[in-house]
Amino acid sequence: GKQSMLMKMGGWHIPEKAANLRALYGLMWGWPGKKTLFMGCEFGQSDEWRYDGSLDWHLLQYIDHSGIQTLVRDLNRIYLDEPLLSETDHLADRFQWVNCDDSENSVLSFLRLGEDSEGSFLIVGNFTPVTRPDYRIGVPLGGFWKEILNTNAAEYGGDGTGNGGGVTAEPTPWDGRPSSVQLTLPPMSVSFFRHDG
């Protein structure tokens, strides 16, 4: 039979599958394009939707499900509060890959650019179950890059590994850009950083 989004994810156990699904949702909301989910996907319902039954709301007693719901809520809030993410997704010049070639580490990074790069977003995904400390990524501007979302946060069901709220760029050229940030990439996660000057 059909499977739910959660059960389609890689991993042997629900916590692994939930981390995968959170990373997928982080990538979806960071990527250009409009967002859509089928009912039940917003909390990682384990069973496929049934026309003749209620959604499995009782699953919200478990962090793997309530964490997905909290993440989707926060992603929607960011999408509403940050017009750059919703209003420029049809403009090709407002998207730039930073690095889409690091297959050895399974890390993807891209920019959603604001006017003159101010308020730009750096989106970084680590699609392996391994934490990657001291991972350097090129950015277009120096200054502080605030970590505004990390799908590995404890309130989402992750282990809480992250970047302590943000990082300051260094004048070290990297990835063809004049500055760079050195990040801790949590396992199976996507993180959003916003340039805050």
Protein backbone atom coordinates (compact mmCIF):
# COMPACT_ATOMS: atom_id res chain seq x y z
CA GLY A 1 0.00 0.00 0.00
CA LYS A 2 0.87 3.65 0.05
CA GLN A 3 3.15 5.11 2.68
CA SER A 4 3.16 8.46 4.46
CA MET A 5 5.95 11.00 3.98
CA LEU A 6 7.46 10.00 7.32
CA MET A 7 7.62 6.30 6.47
CA LYS A 8 9.16 7.03 3.05
CA MET A 9 12.20 8.60 4.72
CA GLY A 10 15.48 6.73 5.15
CA GLY A 11 16.40 5.31 8.55
CA TRP A 12 15.48 2.26 10.60
CA HIS A 13 13.70 4.03 13.43
CA ILE A 14 11.12 6.81 13.68
CA PRO A 15 13.61 9.35 15.17
CA GLU A 16 15.90 8.85 12.14
CA LYS A 17 12.99 9.11 9.74
CA ALA A 18 11.75 12.24 11.54
CA ALA A 19 15.20 13.89 11.23
CA ASN A 20 15.17 13.10 7.50
CA LEU A 21 11.68 14.57 7.11
CA ARG A 22 12.61 17.72 9.05
CA ALA A 23 15.63 18.19 6.77
CA LEU A 24 13.42 17.73 3.71
CA TYR A 25 10.96 20.35 4.96
CA GLY A 26 13.82 22.75 5.72
CA LEU A 27 15.10 22.32 2.18
CA MET A 28 11.59 22.76 0.73
CA TRP A 29 10.97 26.03 2.56
CA GLY A 30 14.44 27.40 1.78
CA TRP A 31 14.24 26.47 -1.91
CA PRO A 32 12.49 28.81 -4.36
CA GLY A 33 8.91 27.92 -5.23
CA LYS A 34 5.56 27.75 -3.49
CA LYS A 35 5.00 25.34 -0.63
CA THR A 36 2.38 22.63 -0.33
CA LEU A 37 1.76 19.72 2.03
CA PHE A 38 -1.02 17.17 2.14
CA MET A 39 -2.94 16.93 5.41
CA GLY A 40 -1.19 14.86 8.03
CA CYS A 41 2.24 15.66 6.56
CA GLU A 42 2.54 18.69 8.86
CA PHE A 43 3.04 16.40 11.87
CA GLY A 44 4.51 13.34 10.18
CA GLN A 45 1.49 11.07 10.37
CA SER A 46 2.78 7.49 10.16
CA ASP A 47 -0.14 6.02 8.21
CA GLU A 48 -1.36 7.16 4.82
CA TRP A 49 -4.39 9.48 4.90
CA ARG A 50 -7.74 7.67 4.91
CA TYR A 51 -10.91 9.24 3.55
CA ASP A 52 -13.02 7.45 6.15
CA GLY A 53 -11.04 8.29 9.28
CA SER A 54 -9.60 11.14 11.31
CA LEU A 55 -5.98 12.19 11.20
CA ASP A 56 -3.86 10.50 13.88
CA TRP A 57 -3.72 13.52 16.21
CA HIS A 58 -2.81 11.27 19.14
CA LEU A 59 0.70 11.02 17.66
CA LEU A 60 1.38 14.58 18.84
CA GLN A 61 2.16 13.15 22.29
CA TYR A 62 5.50 12.03 20.80
CA ILE A 63 8.33 14.50 20.12
CA ASP A 64 9.07 13.05 16.68
CA HIS A 65 5.59 14.14 15.58
CA SER A 66 5.05 17.27 17.69
CA GLY A 67 8.55 18.39 16.68
CA ILE A 68 7.67 18.15 12.98
CA GLN A 69 4.50 20.15 13.65
CA THR A 70 6.49 22.83 15.53
CA LEU A 71 9.05 22.97 12.72
CA VAL A 72 6.35 23.43 10.06
CA ARG A 73 4.82 26.20 12.18
CA ASP A 74 8.20 27.95 12.47
CA LEU A 75 8.98 27.50 8.77
CA ASN A 76 5.62 29.05 7.89
CA ARG A 77 6.29 31.95 10.26
CA ILE A 78 9.68 32.61 8.64
CA TYR A 79 8.11 32.38 5.19
CA LEU A 80 5.53 35.01 6.18
CA ASP A 81 7.92 37.28 8.10
CA GLU A 82 10.72 37.24 5.51
CA PRO A 83 9.30 38.52 2.19
CA LEU A 84 12.62 37.73 0.51
CA LEU A 85 11.77 34.02 0.69
CA SER A 86 8.26 34.29 -0.73
CA GLU A 87 8.37 37.31 -3.04
CA THR A 88 11.61 36.69 -4.96
CA ASP A 89 11.32 32.97 -5.62
CA HIS A 90 10.56 33.57 -9.30
CA LEU A 91 13.66 35.75 -9.84
CA ALA A 92 16.61 33.69 -11.06
CA ASP A 93 19.16 36.32 -10.02
CA ARG A 94 18.06 36.08 -6.38
CA PHE A 95 19.20 32.45 -6.10
CA GLN A 96 22.84 31.34 -6.12
CA TRP A 97 24.43 28.02 -5.41
CA VAL A 98 27.30 28.29 -2.96
CA ASN A 99 28.32 24.65 -3.29
CA CYS A 100 26.33 21.86 -4.90
CA ASP A 101 29.38 19.67 -5.61
CA ASP A 102 30.30 18.32 -2.17
CA SER A 103 29.02 14.81 -2.75
CA GLU A 104 31.71 13.38 -0.45
CA ASN A 105 30.09 15.08 2.57
CA SER A 106 26.52 15.23 1.17
CA VAL A 107 26.34 18.95 1.96
CA LEU A 108 24.38 21.48 -0.13
CA SER A 109 24.54 25.25 0.34
CA PHE A 110 22.82 28.09 -1.50
CA LEU A 111 21.91 31.75 -1.12
CA ARG A 112 18.59 33.54 -1.35
CA LEU A 113 19.77 37.06 -2.10
CA GLY A 114 18.28 40.35 -0.96
CA GLU A 115 18.78 43.74 -2.59
CA ASP A 116 22.55 44.48 -2.55
CA SER A 117 22.87 41.16 -0.65
CA GLU A 118 21.55 42.79 2.57
CA GLY A 119 19.26 40.47 4.51
CA SER A 120 20.34 37.53 2.37
CA PHE A 121 19.81 33.96 3.51
CA LEU A 122 22.36 31.17 3.52
CA ILE A 123 20.67 27.75 3.51
CA VAL A 124 22.86 24.77 4.39
CA GLY A 125 21.89 21.10 4.39
CA ASN A 126 23.91 18.21 5.78
CA PHE A 127 22.27 15.06 4.46
CA THR A 128 24.25 12.47 6.41
CA PRO A 129 23.83 11.24 10.01
CA VAL A 130 27.29 12.67 10.87
CA THR A 131 27.95 16.03 12.55
CA ARG A 132 30.40 18.12 10.51
CA PRO A 133 32.31 20.56 12.73
CA ASP A 134 34.37 23.45 11.29
CA TYR A 135 32.74 23.27 7.87
CA ARG A 136 33.66 26.40 5.88
CA ILE A 137 31.19 27.99 3.46
CA GLY A 138 31.66 31.09 1.32
CA VAL A 139 29.35 34.08 1.82
CA PRO A 140 28.98 37.36 -0.10
CA LEU A 141 29.22 39.64 2.94
CA GLY A 142 31.16 39.92 6.18
CA GLY A 143 29.40 40.55 9.47
CA PHE A 144 27.01 38.45 11.50
CA TRP A 145 24.96 35.61 10.00
CA LYS A 146 22.15 34.83 12.43
CA GLU A 147 21.02 31.21 12.69
CA ILE A 148 17.25 31.65 12.51
CA LEU A 149 16.32 28.00 12.02
CA ASN A 150 17.98 24.64 12.58
CA THR A 151 15.91 21.51 11.91
CA ASN A 152 18.07 19.69 14.48
CA ALA A 153 16.91 21.92 17.36
CA ALA A 154 15.79 20.09 20.50
CA GLU A 155 12.23 21.49 20.28
CA TYR A 156 11.89 19.74 16.91
CA GLY A 157 13.15 16.42 18.23
CA GLY A 158 16.82 16.86 17.26
CA ASP A 159 19.83 16.66 19.55
CA GLY A 160 20.29 20.45 19.68
CA THR A 161 23.65 20.62 17.93
CA GLY A 162 23.97 23.93 16.08
CA ASN A 163 25.78 27.25 15.92
CA GLY A 164 24.68 29.00 19.10
CA GLY A 165 22.48 31.51 17.34
CA GLY A 166 24.85 32.52 14.57
CA VAL A 167 28.38 33.13 13.35
CA THR A 168 30.49 36.08 12.25
CA ALA A 169 31.98 35.85 8.78
CA GLU A 170 35.73 35.96 8.39
CA PRO A 171 37.60 37.73 5.55
CA THR A 172 38.72 34.34 4.24
CA PRO A 173 37.73 33.86 0.59
CA TRP A 174 35.94 30.55 -0.01
CA ASP A 175 33.65 29.07 -2.65
CA GLY A 176 34.46 32.00 -4.95
CA ARG A 177 33.20 34.54 -2.42
CA PRO A 178 35.11 37.21 -0.47
CA SER A 179 34.18 36.00 3.02
CA SER A 180 33.30 32.74 4.72
CA VAL A 181 31.71 31.29 7.81
CA GLN A 182 32.87 28.25 9.73
CA LEU A 183 29.87 26.21 10.80
CA THR A 184 28.94 23.15 12.78
CA LEU A 185 26.59 21.19 10.54
CA PRO A 186 24.28 19.00 12.62
CA PRO A 187 23.47 15.51 11.34
CA MET A 188 20.54 15.18 8.91
CA SER A 189 19.63 18.83 9.07
CA VAL A 190 19.01 22.07 7.23
CA SER A 191 19.89 25.42 8.79
CA PHE A 192 18.89 28.95 7.78
CA PHE A 193 21.25 31.87 8.37
CA ARG A 194 20.23 35.49 7.71
CA HIS A 195 22.80 38.23 7.16
CA ASP A 196 22.21 40.73 9.96
CA GLY A 197 25.16 43.05 9.32
